[in-house]
Amino acid sequence: MSLALATVVGGLFALGTFLLLRRDLVRVVWGVAVLSQAANVYLISMGGVAEGSFTQVPILATHGGEVPETADPVVQALVLTAIVISLGTTALALVLSYRAYEENETVDVQRWR
């Protein structure tokens, strides 16, 4: 992982944690969303790119030539699934936050009765 990518992942985790500790319910929901995206970026960066071989890309074995560098598709499929689940969870949390706002007329969790 490069220094720039590590800085971005660290910044996303810091921002997500900062938002998660707020009293505003909407900011808490966005904090959870940012944290999940930070975890996705971390997983993609740790998956990395490896030297290709004909066992990884068998279609190129019949055509000859060299195999380019390839990424692990399992990590990419895992992160794609996590992005979809995170999107659904965030949408549900925002709807529940709106419902809580209608009931309590505030999103500040300290002022709820």
PDB file of N, CA and C in Angstrom:
ATOM      1  N   MET A   1       0.858  -1.170   0.000  1.00  0.00           N
ATOM      2  CA  MET A   1       0.000   0.000   0.000  1.00  0.00           C
ATOM      3  C   MET A   1       0.901   1.228   0.000  1.00  0.00           C
ATOM      4  N   SER A   2       0.604   2.143  -0.881  1.00  0.00           N
ATOM      5  CA  SER A   2       1.421   3.350  -0.955  1.00  0.00           C
ATOM      6  C   SER A   2       1.077   4.305   0.184  1.00  0.00           C
ATOM      7  N   LEU A   3       1.954   5.259   0.379  1.00  0.00           N
ATOM      8  CA  LEU A   3       1.752   6.217   1.469  1.00  0.00           C
ATOM      9  C   LEU A   3       0.511   7.071   1.228  1.00  0.00           C
ATOM     10  N   ALA A   4       0.286   7.456  -0.016  1.00  0.00           N
ATOM     11  CA  ALA A   4      -0.894   8.278  -0.324  1.00  0.00           C
ATOM     12  C   ALA A   4      -2.187   7.500  -0.067  1.00  0.00           C
ATOM     13  N   LEU A   5      -2.201   6.241  -0.474  1.00  0.00           N
ATOM     14  CA  LEU A   5      -3.402   5.430  -0.255  1.00  0.00           C
ATOM     15  C   LEU A   5      -3.628   5.165   1.229  1.00  0.00           C
ATOM     16  N   ALA A   6      -2.552   4.937   1.965  1.00  0.00           N
ATOM     17  CA  ALA A   6      -2.677   4.742   3.414  1.00  0.00           C
ATOM     18  C   ALA A   6      -3.196   6.005   4.090  1.00  0.00           C
ATOM     19  N   THR A   7      -2.775   7.168   3.586  1.00  0.00           N
ATOM     20  CA  THR A   7      -3.265   8.432   4.137  1.00  0.00           C
ATOM     21  C   THR A   7      -4.753   8.603   3.866  1.00  0.00           C
ATOM     22  N   VAL A   8      -5.175   8.251   2.658  1.00  0.00           N
ATOM     23  CA  VAL A   8      -6.600   8.357   2.310  1.00  0.00           C
ATOM     24  C   VAL A   8      -7.434   7.420   3.187  1.00  0.00           C
ATOM     25  N   VAL A   9      -6.988   6.181   3.345  1.00  0.00           N
ATOM     26  CA  VAL A   9      -7.733   5.220   4.169  1.00  0.00           C
ATOM     27  C   VAL A   9      -7.781   5.698   5.625  1.00  0.00           C
ATOM     28  N   GLY A  10      -6.664   6.186   6.133  1.00  0.00           N
ATOM     29  CA  GLY A  10      -6.638   6.708   7.502  1.00  0.00           C
ATOM     30  C   GLY A  10      -7.543   7.915   7.667  1.00  0.00           C
ATOM     31  N   GLY A  11      -7.546   8.799   6.662  1.00  0.00           N
ATOM     32  CA  GLY A  11      -8.422   9.970   6.710  1.00  0.00           C
ATOM     33  C   GLY A  11      -9.890   9.583   6.693  1.00  0.00           C
ATOM     34  N   LEU A  12     -10.238   8.588   5.869  1.00  0.00           N
ATOM     35  CA  LEU A  12     -11.629   8.129   5.824  1.00  0.00           C
ATOM     36  C   LEU A  12     -12.052   7.505   7.148  1.00  0.00           C
ATOM     37  N   PHE A  13     -11.178   6.706   7.745  1.00  0.00           N
ATOM     38  CA  PHE A  13     -11.502   6.122   9.052  1.00  0.00           C
ATOM     39  C   PHE A  13     -11.633   7.211  10.111  1.00  0.00           C
ATOM     40  N   ALA A  14     -10.763   8.226  10.071  1.00  0.00           N
ATOM     41  CA  ALA A  14     -10.843   9.312  11.045  1.00  0.00           C
ATOM     42  C   ALA A  14     -12.127  10.111  10.865  1.00  0.00           C
ATOM     43  N   LEU A  15     -12.468  10.430   9.617  1.00  0.00           N
ATOM     44  CA  LEU A  15     -13.701  11.177   9.353  1.00  0.00           C
ATOM     45  C   LEU A  15     -14.934  10.375   9.765  1.00  0.00           C
ATOM     46  N   GLY A  16     -14.945   9.090   9.465  1.00  0.00           N
ATOM     47  CA  GLY A  16     -16.072   8.242   9.848  1.00  0.00           C
ATOM     48  C   GLY A  16     -16.225   8.151  11.350  1.00  0.00           C
ATOM     49  N   THR A  17     -15.124   8.029  12.049  1.00  0.00           N
ATOM     50  CA  THR A  17     -15.184   7.967  13.514  1.00  0.00           C
ATOM     51  C   THR A  17     -15.652   9.296  14.099  1.00  0.00           C
ATOM     52  N   PHE A  18     -15.154  10.404  13.519  1.00  0.00           N
ATOM     53  CA  PHE A  18     -15.580  11.734  13.983  1.00  0.00           C
ATOM     54  C   PHE A  18     -17.088  11.907  13.813  1.00  0.00           C
ATOM     55  N   LEU A  19     -17.606  11.529  12.637  1.00  0.00           N
ATOM     56  CA  LEU A  19     -19.041  11.665  12.397  1.00  0.00           C
ATOM     57  C   LEU A  19     -19.854  10.724  13.269  1.00  0.00           C
ATOM     58  N   LEU A  20     -19.321   9.550  13.549  1.00  0.00           N
ATOM     59  CA  LEU A  20     -20.025   8.562  14.358  1.00  0.00           C
ATOM     60  C   LEU A  20     -20.221   9.026  15.796  1.00  0.00           C
ATOM     61  N   LEU A  21     -19.361   9.898  16.274  1.00  0.00           N
ATOM     62  CA  LEU A  21     -19.432  10.354  17.666  1.00  0.00           C
ATOM     63  C   LEU A  21     -20.250  11.626  17.840  1.00  0.00           C
ATOM     64  N   ARG A  22     -20.940  12.086  16.806  1.00  0.00           N
ATOM     65  CA  ARG A  22     -21.767  13.294  16.882  1.00  0.00           C
ATOM     66  C   ARG A  22     -23.123  12.981  17.500  1.00  0.00           C
ATOM     67  N   ARG A  23     -23.818  14.028  17.952  1.00  0.00           N
ATOM     68  CA  ARG A  23     -25.156  13.856  18.523  1.00  0.00           C
ATOM     69  C   ARG A  23     -26.230  13.856  17.452  1.00  0.00           C
ATOM     70  N   ASP A  24     -25.938  14.428  16.297  1.00  0.00           N
ATOM     71  CA  ASP A  24     -26.892  14.492  15.184  1.00  0.00           C
ATOM     72  C   ASP A  24     -27.009  13.103  14.555  1.00  0.00           C
ATOM     73  N   LEU A  25     -28.248  12.604  14.486  1.00  0.00           N
ATOM     74  CA  LEU A  25     -28.468  11.238  14.012  1.00  0.00           C
ATOM     75  C   LEU A  25     -28.080  11.062  12.540  1.00  0.00           C
ATOM     76  N   VAL A  26     -28.308  12.072  11.716  1.00  0.00           N
ATOM     77  CA  VAL A  26     -27.958  11.983  10.300  1.00  0.00           C
ATOM     78  C   VAL A  26     -26.437  11.888  10.139  1.00  0.00           C
ATOM     79  N   ARG A  27     -25.696  12.641  10.933  1.00  0.00           N
ATOM     80  CA  ARG A  27     -24.238  12.560  10.877  1.00  0.00           C
ATOM     81  C   ARG A  27     -23.737  11.190  11.327  1.00  0.00           C
ATOM     82  N   VAL A  28     -24.414  10.590  12.274  1.00  0.00           N
ATOM     83  CA  VAL A  28     -24.042   9.238  12.703  1.00  0.00           C
ATOM     84  C   VAL A  28     -24.225   8.248  11.550  1.00  0.00           C
ATOM     85  N   VAL A  29     -25.333   8.396  10.819  1.00  0.00           N
ATOM     86  CA  VAL A  29     -25.579   7.514   9.671  1.00  0.00           C
ATOM     87  C   VAL A  29     -24.503   7.718   8.612  1.00  0.00           C
ATOM     88  N   TRP A  30     -24.162   8.969   8.322  1.00  0.00           N
ATOM     89  CA  TRP A  30     -23.096   9.229   7.357  1.00  0.00           C
ATOM     90  C   TRP A  30     -21.749   8.727   7.866  1.00  0.00           C
ATOM     91  N   GLY A  31     -21.529   8.760   9.148  1.00  0.00           N
ATOM     92  CA  GLY A  31     -20.287   8.218   9.713  1.00  0.00           C
ATOM     93  C   GLY A  31     -20.161   6.724   9.478  1.00  0.00           C
ATOM     94  N   VAL A  32     -21.264   6.014   9.647  1.00  0.00           N
ATOM     95  CA  VAL A  32     -21.254   4.567   9.372  1.00  0.00           C
ATOM     96  C   VAL A  32     -20.991   4.311   7.896  1.00  0.00           C
ATOM     97  N   ALA A  33     -21.593   5.139   7.030  1.00  0.00           N
ATOM     98  CA  ALA A  33     -21.379   4.975   5.586  1.00  0.00           C
ATOM     99  C   ALA A  33     -19.926   5.244   5.208  1.00  0.00           C
ATOM    100  N   VAL A  34     -19.337   6.277   5.774  1.00  0.00           N
ATOM    101  CA  VAL A  34     -17.932   6.595   5.467  1.00  0.00           C
ATOM    102  C   VAL A  34     -17.014   5.496   5.982  1.00  0.00           C
ATOM    103  N   LEU A  35     -17.316   4.966   7.163  1.00  0.00           N
ATOM    104  CA  LEU A  35     -16.498   3.873   7.706  1.00  0.00           C
ATOM    105  C   LEU A  35     -16.567   2.633   6.815  1.00  0.00           C
ATOM    106  N   SER A  36     -17.745   2.322   6.300  1.00  0.00           N
ATOM    107  CA  SER A  36     -17.853   1.142   5.431  1.00  0.00           C
ATOM    108  C   SER A  36     -17.101   1.359   4.125  1.00  0.00           C
ATOM    109  N   GLN A  37     -17.141   2.579   3.588  1.00  0.00           N
ATOM    110  CA  GLN A  37     -16.383   2.849   2.371  1.00  0.00           C
ATOM    111  C   GLN A  37     -14.879   2.824   2.632  1.00  0.00           C
ATOM    112  N   ALA A  38     -14.459   3.272   3.810  1.00  0.00           N
ATOM    113  CA  ALA A  38     -13.040   3.187   4.164  1.00  0.00           C
ATOM    114  C   ALA A  38     -12.589   1.734   4.230  1.00  0.00           C
ATOM    115  N   ALA A  39     -13.431   0.876   4.765  1.00  0.00           N
ATOM    116  CA  ALA A  39     -13.091  -0.550   4.811  1.00  0.00           C
ATOM    117  C   ALA A  39     -13.014  -1.131   3.408  1.00  0.00           C
ATOM    118  N   ASN A  40     -13.889  -0.681   2.507  1.00  0.00           N
ATOM    119  CA  ASN A  40     -13.841  -1.164   1.128  1.00  0.00           C
ATOM    120  C   ASN A  40     -12.555  -0.725   0.429  1.00  0.00           C
ATOM    121  N   VAL A  41     -12.164   0.524   0.608  1.00  0.00           N
ATOM    122  CA  VAL A  41     -10.923   1.020   0.001  1.00  0.00           C
ATOM    123  C   VAL A  41      -9.723   0.252   0.564  1.00  0.00           C
ATOM    124  N   TYR A  42      -9.752  -0.023   1.853  1.00  0.00           N
ATOM    125  CA  TYR A  42      -8.676  -0.791   2.480  1.00  0.00           C
ATOM    126  C   TYR A  42      -8.581  -2.195   1.881  1.00  0.00           C
ATOM    127  N   LEU A  43      -9.735  -2.856   1.709  1.00  0.00           N
ATOM    128  CA  LEU A  43      -9.723  -4.211   1.142  1.00  0.00           C
ATOM    129  C   LEU A  43      -9.212  -4.216  -0.295  1.00  0.00           C
ATOM    130  N   ILE A  44      -9.650  -3.260  -1.089  1.00  0.00           N
ATOM    131  CA  ILE A  44      -9.180  -3.185  -2.482  1.00  0.00           C
ATOM    132  C   ILE A  44      -7.681  -2.929  -2.525  1.00  0.00           C
ATOM    133  N   SER A  45      -7.210  -2.039  -1.664  1.00  0.00           N
ATOM    134  CA  SER A  45      -5.778  -1.741  -1.675  1.00  0.00           C
ATOM    135  C   SER A  45      -4.951  -2.930  -1.207  1.00  0.00           C
ATOM    136  N   MET A  46      -5.474  -3.742  -0.318  1.00  0.00           N
ATOM    137  CA  MET A  46      -4.732  -4.904   0.155  1.00  0.00           C
ATOM    138  C   MET A  46      -4.805  -6.067  -0.835  1.00  0.00           C
ATOM    139  N   GLY A  47      -5.831  -6.052  -1.713  1.00  0.00           N
ATOM    140  CA  GLY A  47      -5.922  -7.094  -2.733  1.00  0.00           C
ATOM    141  C   GLY A  47      -4.779  -7.006  -3.707  1.00  0.00           C
ATOM    142  N   GLY A  48      -4.421  -5.807  -4.076  1.00  0.00           N
ATOM    143  CA  GLY A  48      -3.254  -5.564  -4.895  1.00  0.00           C
ATOM    144  C   GLY A  48      -3.325  -6.145  -6.294  1.00  0.00           C
ATOM    145  N   VAL A  49      -2.251  -5.928  -7.018  1.00  0.00           N
ATOM    146  CA  VAL A  49      -2.097  -6.426  -8.373  1.00  0.00           C
ATOM    147  C   VAL A  49      -0.906  -7.372  -8.370  1.00  0.00           C
ATOM    148  N   ALA A  50      -1.097  -8.565  -8.940  1.00  0.00           N
ATOM    149  CA  ALA A  50      -0.040  -9.569  -8.939  1.00  0.00           C
ATOM    150  C   ALA A  50       0.406  -9.881 -10.371  1.00  0.00           C
ATOM    151  N   GLU A  51       1.572 -10.463 -10.473  1.00  0.00           N
ATOM    152  CA  GLU A  51       2.070 -10.890 -11.774  1.00  0.00           C
ATOM    153  C   GLU A  51       1.132 -11.949 -12.345  1.00  0.00           C
ATOM    154  N   GLY A  52       0.742 -11.802 -13.581  1.00  0.00           N
ATOM    155  CA  GLY A  52      -0.212 -12.712 -14.189  1.00  0.00           C
ATOM    156  C   GLY A  52       0.435 -14.023 -14.632  1.00  0.00           C
ATOM    157  N   SER A  53      -0.384 -15.060 -14.691  1.00  0.00           N
ATOM    158  CA  SER A  53       0.081 -16.352 -15.191  1.00  0.00           C
ATOM    159  C   SER A  53      -1.035 -16.956 -16.048  1.00  0.00           C
ATOM    160  N   PHE A  54      -0.687 -17.984 -16.800  1.00  0.00           N
ATOM    161  CA  PHE A  54      -1.688 -18.596 -17.667  1.00  0.00           C
ATOM    162  C   PHE A  54      -2.747 -19.362 -16.873  1.00  0.00           C
ATOM    163  N   THR A  55      -2.441 -19.735 -15.646  1.00  0.00           N
ATOM    164  CA  THR A  55      -3.465 -20.393 -14.831  1.00  0.00           C
ATOM    165  C   THR A  55      -4.526 -19.402 -14.367  1.00  0.00           C
ATOM    166  N   GLN A  56      -4.120 -18.133 -14.185  1.00  0.00           N
ATOM    167  CA  GLN A  56      -5.089 -17.117 -13.757  1.00  0.00           C
ATOM    168  C   GLN A  56      -5.924 -16.615 -14.930  1.00  0.00           C
ATOM    169  N   VAL A  57      -5.308 -16.518 -16.106  1.00  0.00           N
ATOM    170  CA  VAL A  57      -6.000 -16.040 -17.300  1.00  0.00           C
ATOM    171  C   VAL A  57      -5.820 -17.086 -18.400  1.00  0.00           C
ATOM    172  N   PRO A  58      -6.577 -18.178 -18.358  1.00  0.00           N
ATOM    173  CA  PRO A  58      -6.345 -19.282 -19.305  1.00  0.00           C
ATOM    174  C   PRO A  58      -6.692 -18.927 -20.745  1.00  0.00           C
ATOM    175  N   ILE A  59      -7.519 -17.943 -20.986  1.00  0.00           N
ATOM    176  CA  ILE A  59      -7.873 -17.582 -22.359  1.00  0.00           C
ATOM    177  C   ILE A  59      -6.659 -17.064 -23.124  1.00  0.00           C
ATOM    178  N   LEU A  60      -5.695 -16.494 -22.434  1.00  0.00           N
ATOM    179  CA  LEU A  60      -4.505 -15.970 -23.092  1.00  0.00           C
ATOM    180  C   LEU A  60      -3.504 -17.069 -23.421  1.00  0.00           C
ATOM    181  N   ALA A  61      -3.643 -18.260 -22.853  1.00  0.00           N
ATOM    182  CA  ALA A  61      -2.700 -19.350 -23.130  1.00  0.00           C
ATOM    183  C   ALA A  61      -2.809 -19.818 -24.571  1.00  0.00           C
ATOM    184  N   THR A  62      -3.980 -19.760 -25.151  1.00  0.00           N
ATOM    185  CA  THR A  62      -4.144 -20.212 -26.532  1.00  0.00           C
ATOM    186  C   THR A  62      -3.676 -19.164 -27.535  1.00  0.00           C
ATOM    187  N   HIS A  63      -3.605 -17.915 -27.120  1.00  0.00           N
ATOM    188  CA  HIS A  63      -3.213 -16.852 -28.037  1.00  0.00           C
ATOM    189  C   HIS A  63      -1.728 -16.523 -27.958  1.00  0.00           C
ATOM    190  N   GLY A  64      -1.046 -17.047 -26.977  1.00  0.00           N
ATOM    191  CA  GLY A  64       0.377 -16.776 -26.850  1.00  0.00           C
ATOM    192  C   GLY A  64       0.620 -15.398 -26.280  1.00  0.00           C
ATOM    193  N   GLY A  65       1.873 -15.018 -26.238  1.00  0.00           N
ATOM    194  CA  GLY A  65       2.224 -13.707 -25.689  1.00  0.00           C
ATOM    195  C   GLY A  65       2.310 -13.743 -24.183  1.00  0.00           C
ATOM    196  N   GLU A  66       2.443 -12.563 -23.617  1.00  0.00           N
ATOM    197  CA  GLU A  66       2.592 -12.457 -22.173  1.00  0.00           C
ATOM    198  C   GLU A  66       1.246 -12.145 -21.511  1.00  0.00           C
ATOM    199  N   VAL A  67       1.152 -12.553 -20.258  1.00  0.00           N
ATOM    200  CA  VAL A  67      -0.054 -12.280 -19.470  1.00  0.00           C
ATOM    201  C   VAL A  67       0.182 -11.000 -18.683  1.00  0.00           C
ATOM    202  N   PRO A  68      -0.737 -10.037 -18.755  1.00  0.00           N
ATOM    203  CA  PRO A  68      -0.542  -8.788 -17.996  1.00  0.00           C
ATOM    204  C   PRO A  68      -0.749  -9.013 -16.510  1.00  0.00           C
ATOM    205  N   GLU A  69      -0.415  -7.988 -15.737  1.00  0.00           N
ATOM    206  CA  GLU A  69      -0.669  -8.051 -14.298  1.00  0.00           C
ATOM    207  C   GLU A  69      -2.173  -8.131 -14.071  1.00  0.00           C
ATOM    208  N   THR A  70      -2.577  -8.914 -13.084  1.00  0.00           N
ATOM    209  CA  THR A  70      -4.006  -9.084 -12.808  1.00  0.00           C
ATOM    210  C   THR A  70      -4.288  -8.845 -11.327  1.00  0.00           C
ATOM    211  N   ALA A  71      -5.528  -8.457 -11.052  1.00  0.00           N
ATOM    212  CA  ALA A  71      -5.983  -8.291  -9.672  1.00  0.00           C
ATOM    213  C   ALA A  71      -6.797  -9.511  -9.285  1.00  0.00           C
ATOM    214  N   ASP A  72      -6.854  -9.771  -7.985  1.00  0.00           N
ATOM    215  CA  ASP A  72      -7.632 -10.908  -7.480  1.00  0.00           C
ATOM    216  C   ASP A  72      -9.118 -10.591  -7.619  1.00  0.00           C
ATOM    217  N   PRO A  73      -9.876 -11.365  -8.405  1.00  0.00           N
ATOM    218  CA  PRO A  73     -11.300 -11.042  -8.587  1.00  0.00           C
ATOM    219  C   PRO A  73     -12.157 -11.338  -7.360  1.00  0.00           C
ATOM    220  N   VAL A  74     -11.679 -12.169  -6.449  1.00  0.00           N
ATOM    221  CA  VAL A  74     -12.466 -12.486  -5.248  1.00  0.00           C
ATOM    222  C   VAL A  74     -12.620 -11.245  -4.371  1.00  0.00           C
ATOM    223  N   VAL A  75     -11.539 -10.497  -4.235  1.00  0.00           N
ATOM    224  CA  VAL A  75     -11.593  -9.280  -3.420  1.00  0.00           C
ATOM    225  C   VAL A  75     -12.532  -8.261  -4.056  1.00  0.00           C
ATOM    226  N   GLN A  76     -12.456  -8.135  -5.369  1.00  0.00           N
ATOM    227  CA  GLN A  76     -13.321  -7.182  -6.053  1.00  0.00           C
ATOM    228  C   GLN A  76     -14.794  -7.585  -5.927  1.00  0.00           C
ATOM    229  N   ALA A  77     -15.088  -8.866  -6.025  1.00  0.00           N
ATOM    230  CA  ALA A  77     -16.476  -9.320  -5.868  1.00  0.00           C
ATOM    231  C   ALA A  77     -16.960  -9.104  -4.438  1.00  0.00           C
ATOM    232  N   LEU A  78     -16.088  -9.350  -3.468  1.00  0.00           N
ATOM    233  CA  LEU A  78     -16.436  -9.121  -2.067  1.00  0.00           C
ATOM    234  C   LEU A  78     -16.748  -7.654  -1.809  1.00  0.00           C
ATOM    235  N   VAL A  79     -15.925  -6.764  -2.333  1.00  0.00           N
ATOM    236  CA  VAL A  79     -16.129  -5.332  -2.114  1.00  0.00           C
ATOM    237  C   VAL A  79     -17.372  -4.848  -2.851  1.00  0.00           C
ATOM    238  N   LEU A  80     -17.622  -5.359  -4.040  1.00  0.00           N
ATOM    239  CA  LEU A  80     -18.838  -4.974  -4.759  1.00  0.00           C
ATOM    240  C   LEU A  80     -20.089  -5.376  -3.979  1.00  0.00           C
ATOM    241  N   THR A  81     -20.085  -6.560  -3.403  1.00  0.00           N
ATOM    242  CA  THR A  81     -21.192  -6.993  -2.562  1.00  0.00           C
ATOM    243  C   THR A  81     -21.325  -6.100  -1.338  1.00  0.00           C
ATOM    244  N   ALA A  82     -20.200  -5.753  -0.735  1.00  0.00           N
ATOM    245  CA  ALA A  82     -20.232  -4.888   0.451  1.00  0.00           C
ATOM    246  C   ALA A  82     -20.758  -3.502   0.109  1.00  0.00           C
ATOM    247  N   ILE A  83     -20.434  -2.993  -1.084  1.00  0.00           N
ATOM    248  CA  ILE A  83     -20.936  -1.670  -1.488  1.00  0.00           C
ATOM    249  C   ILE A  83     -22.457  -1.705  -1.624  1.00  0.00           C
ATOM    250  N   VAL A  84     -22.988  -2.743  -2.224  1.00  0.00           N
ATOM    251  CA  VAL A  84     -24.442  -2.844  -2.409  1.00  0.00           C
ATOM    252  C   VAL A  84     -25.144  -2.967  -1.058  1.00  0.00           C
ATOM    253  N   ILE A  85     -24.612  -3.796  -0.180  1.00  0.00           N
ATOM    254  CA  ILE A  85     -25.219  -3.955   1.148  1.00  0.00           C
ATOM    255  C   ILE A  85     -25.126  -2.651   1.931  1.00  0.00           C
ATOM    256  N   SER A  86     -24.010  -1.970   1.834  1.00  0.00           N
ATOM    257  CA  SER A  86     -23.836  -0.694   2.534  1.00  0.00           C
ATOM    258  C   SER A  86     -24.811   0.352   2.021  1.00  0.00           C
ATOM    259  N   LEU A  87     -25.030   0.377   0.722  1.00  0.00           N
ATOM    260  CA  LEU A  87     -25.991   1.334   0.157  1.00  0.00           C
ATOM    261  C   LEU A  87     -27.394   1.075   0.683  1.00  0.00           C
ATOM    262  N   GLY A  88     -27.813  -0.176   0.723  1.00  0.00           N
ATOM    263  CA  GLY A  88     -29.131  -0.510   1.248  1.00  0.00           C
ATOM    264  C   GLY A  88     -29.260  -0.197   2.722  1.00  0.00           C
ATOM    265  N   THR A  89     -28.228  -0.488   3.481  1.00  0.00           N
ATOM    266  CA  THR A  89     -28.251  -0.216   4.920  1.00  0.00           C
ATOM    267  C   THR A  89     -28.309   1.283   5.195  1.00  0.00           C
ATOM    268  N   THR A  90     -27.550   2.055   4.421  1.00  0.00           N
ATOM    269  CA  THR A  90     -27.556   3.512   4.606  1.00  0.00           C
ATOM    270  C   THR A  90     -28.916   4.100   4.258  1.00  0.00           C
ATOM    271  N   ALA A  91     -29.530   3.607   3.185  1.00  0.00           N
ATOM    272  CA  ALA A  91     -30.853   4.099   2.812  1.00  0.00           C
ATOM    273  C   ALA A  91     -31.868   3.787   3.907  1.00  0.00           C
ATOM    274  N   LEU A  92     -31.835   2.583   4.449  1.00  0.00           N
ATOM    275  CA  LEU A  92     -32.740   2.217   5.531  1.00  0.00           C
ATOM    276  C   LEU A  92     -32.507   3.084   6.766  1.00  0.00           C
ATOM    277  N   ALA A  93     -31.247   3.326   7.098  1.00  0.00           N
ATOM    278  CA  ALA A  93     -30.936   4.143   8.274  1.00  0.00           C
ATOM    279  C   ALA A  93     -31.396   5.580   8.082  1.00  0.00           C
ATOM    280  N   LEU A  94     -31.274   6.107   6.867  1.00  0.00           N
ATOM    281  CA  LEU A  94     -31.748   7.469   6.620  1.00  0.00           C
ATOM    282  C   LEU A  94     -33.271   7.559   6.718  1.00  0.00           C
ATOM    283  N   VAL A  95     -33.964   6.541   6.244  1.00  0.00           N
ATOM    284  CA  VAL A  95     -35.423   6.530   6.366  1.00  0.00           C
ATOM    285  C   VAL A  95     -35.830   6.442   7.835  1.00  0.00           C
ATOM    286  N   LEU A  96     -35.152   5.615   8.596  1.00  0.00           N
ATOM    287  CA  LEU A  96     -35.458   5.515  10.028  1.00  0.00           C
ATOM    288  C   LEU A  96     -35.119   6.818  10.755  1.00  0.00           C
ATOM    289  N   SER A  97     -34.074   7.501  10.315  1.00  0.00           N
ATOM    290  CA  SER A  97     -33.731   8.796  10.905  1.00  0.00           C
ATOM    291  C   SER A  97     -34.816   9.820  10.621  1.00  0.00           C
ATOM    292  N   TYR A  98     -35.341   9.802   9.410  1.00  0.00           N
ATOM    293  CA  TYR A  98     -36.431  10.723   9.074  1.00  0.00           C
ATOM    294  C   TYR A  98     -37.665  10.429   9.921  1.00  0.00           C
ATOM    295  N   ARG A  99     -37.946   9.166  10.113  1.00  0.00           N
ATOM    296  CA  ARG A  99     -39.088   8.788  10.949  1.00  0.00           C
ATOM    297  C   ARG A  99     -38.868   9.232  12.395  1.00  0.00           C
ATOM    298  N   ALA A 100     -37.665   9.094  12.892  1.00  0.00           N
ATOM    299  CA  ALA A 100     -37.356   9.564  14.247  1.00  0.00           C
ATOM    300  C   ALA A 100     -37.469  11.076  14.339  1.00  0.00           C
ATOM    301  N   TYR A 101     -37.093  11.763  13.259  1.00  0.00           N
ATOM    302  CA  TYR A 101     -37.250  13.224  13.241  1.00  0.00           C
ATOM    303  C   TYR A 101     -38.727  13.613  13.292  1.00  0.00           C
ATOM    304  N   GLU A 102     -39.585  12.882  12.565  1.00  0.00           N
ATOM    305  CA  GLU A 102     -41.016  13.180  12.589  1.00  0.00           C
ATOM    306  C   GLU A 102     -41.604  12.959  13.979  1.00  0.00           C
ATOM    307  N   GLU A 103     -41.141  11.950  14.676  1.00  0.00           N
ATOM    308  CA  GLU A 103     -41.668  11.641  16.011  1.00  0.00           C
ATOM    309  C   GLU A 103     -41.189  12.638  17.060  1.00  0.00           C
ATOM    310  N   ASN A 104     -39.915  13.030  16.985  1.00  0.00           N
ATOM    311  CA  ASN A 104     -39.308  13.826  18.044  1.00  0.00           C
ATOM    312  C   ASN A 104     -39.067  15.286  17.671  1.00  0.00           C
ATOM    313  N   GLU A 105     -39.254  15.632  16.401  1.00  0.00           N
ATOM    314  CA  GLU A 105     -39.026  16.977  15.886  1.00  0.00           C
ATOM    315  C   GLU A 105     -37.608  17.462  16.071  1.00  0.00           C
ATOM    316  N   THR A 106     -36.668  16.584  16.211  1.00  0.00           N
ATOM    317  CA  THR A 106     -35.251  16.916  16.248  1.00  0.00           C
ATOM    318  C   THR A 106     -34.443  15.662  15.906  1.00  0.00           C
ATOM    319  N   VAL A 107     -33.229  15.884  15.407  1.00  0.00           N
ATOM    320  CA  VAL A 107     -32.342  14.745  15.135  1.00  0.00           C
ATOM    321  C   VAL A 107     -31.240  14.657  16.183  1.00  0.00           C
ATOM    322  N   ASP A 108     -31.287  15.572  17.162  1.00  0.00           N
ATOM    323  CA  ASP A 108     -30.327  15.550  18.259  1.00  0.00           C
ATOM    324  C   ASP A 108     -30.747  14.465  19.249  1.00  0.00           C
ATOM    325  N   VAL A 109     -29.954  13.425  19.380  1.00  0.00           N
ATOM    326  CA  VAL A 109     -30.357  12.289  20.210  1.00  0.00           C
ATOM    327  C   VAL A 109     -30.328  12.628  21.698  1.00  0.00           C
ATOM    328  N   GLN A 110     -29.648  13.691  22.090  1.00  0.00           N
ATOM    329  CA  GLN A 110     -29.613  14.086  23.504  1.00  0.00           C
ATOM    330  C   GLN A 110     -30.926  14.743  23.930  1.00  0.00           C
ATOM    331  N   ARG A 111     -31.671  15.282  22.967  1.00  0.00           N
ATOM    332  CA  ARG A 111     -32.910  16.002  23.294  1.00  0.00           C
ATOM    333  C   ARG A 111     -34.142  15.131  23.135  1.00  0.00           C
ATOM    334  N   TRP A 112     -33.975  13.862  22.817  1.00  0.00           N
ATOM    335  CA  TRP A 112     -35.131  12.967  22.677  1.00  0.00           C
ATOM    336  C   TRP A 112     -35.673  12.629  24.054  1.00  0.00           C
ATOM    337  N   ARG A 113     -36.981  12.446  24.136  1.00  0.00           N
ATOM    338  CA  ARG A 113     -37.584  12.075  25.414  1.00  0.00           C
ATOM    339  C   ARG A 113     -38.141  10.690  25.352  1.00  0.00           C
TER     340      ARG A 113
END
